[in-house]
Structure formats: structure tokens, C-alpha cells
């Protein structure tokens, strides 16, 4: 994913009401696969 796509992803998640912490944890989960960052069911 290039920087422009990354920025659009972050802006889109912010528009959906995600906090910066939720976004950072989601991106960490995508990159690392670490289950502690995996979004919980029922979250935005």
C-alpha cells in the first residue's frame, strides 16, 4: 500500500468515527498479525 492509499484508509476510518488509537491498533494488527490488536466484534 502506498502512502496515498494509507492516508485515504486513515481518513476513511476517522470519518467512520474510529479513534486514532483504534486506527493505530488496526494497522498494527494488519502489519503484525498480533491478536492483541485485532478488532473486537461489534466495534466500528
Protein backbone atom coordinates (compact mmCIF):
# COMPACT_ATOMS: atom_id res chain seq x y z
CA UNK A 1 0.00 0.00 0.00
CA UNK A 2 1.45 3.36 -0.94
CA UNK A 3 1.33 6.49 1.19
CA UNK A 4 -1.68 7.97 -0.63
CA UNK A 5 -3.70 4.77 -0.10
CA UNK A 6 -2.60 4.65 3.52
CA UNK A 7 -3.72 8.24 4.08
CA UNK A 8 -7.11 7.55 2.47
CA UNK A 9 -7.58 4.49 4.69
CA UNK A 10 -6.84 6.52 7.83
CA UNK A 11 -9.09 9.38 6.76
CA UNK A 12 -11.89 6.95 5.90
CA UNK A 13 -11.68 5.27 9.30
CA UNK A 14 -11.70 8.67 11.03
CA UNK A 15 -14.80 9.60 9.02
CA UNK A 16 -16.43 6.40 10.32
CA UNK A 17 -15.79 7.60 13.87
CA UNK A 18 -12.75 5.48 14.77
CA UNK A 19 -10.34 6.96 17.29
CA UNK A 20 -6.67 7.36 16.47
CA UNK A 21 -5.89 4.55 18.93
CA UNK A 22 -8.36 2.20 17.20
CA UNK A 23 -6.84 3.07 13.83
CA UNK A 24 -3.28 2.53 15.07
CA UNK A 25 -4.21 -0.82 16.64
CA UNK A 26 -5.96 -1.91 13.42
CA UNK A 27 -2.91 -1.02 11.33
CA UNK A 28 -0.64 -2.84 13.78
CA UNK A 29 -2.85 -5.92 13.51
CA UNK A 30 -2.77 -5.80 9.70
CA UNK A 31 1.03 -5.50 9.66
CA UNK A 32 1.95 -7.83 12.51
CA UNK A 33 -0.96 -10.26 12.78
CA UNK A 34 -0.69 -9.93 16.58
CA UNK A 35 -4.07 -10.94 18.02
CA UNK A 36 -3.91 -8.33 20.81
CA UNK A 37 -4.51 -5.63 18.16
CA UNK A 38 -7.31 -7.48 16.33
CA UNK A 39 -10.57 -5.52 16.28
CA UNK A 40 -13.27 -6.91 18.53
CA UNK A 41 -16.62 -8.00 17.06
CA UNK A 42 -19.15 -5.21 17.44
CA UNK A 43 -16.61 -2.40 17.22
CA UNK A 44 -16.89 0.15 14.43
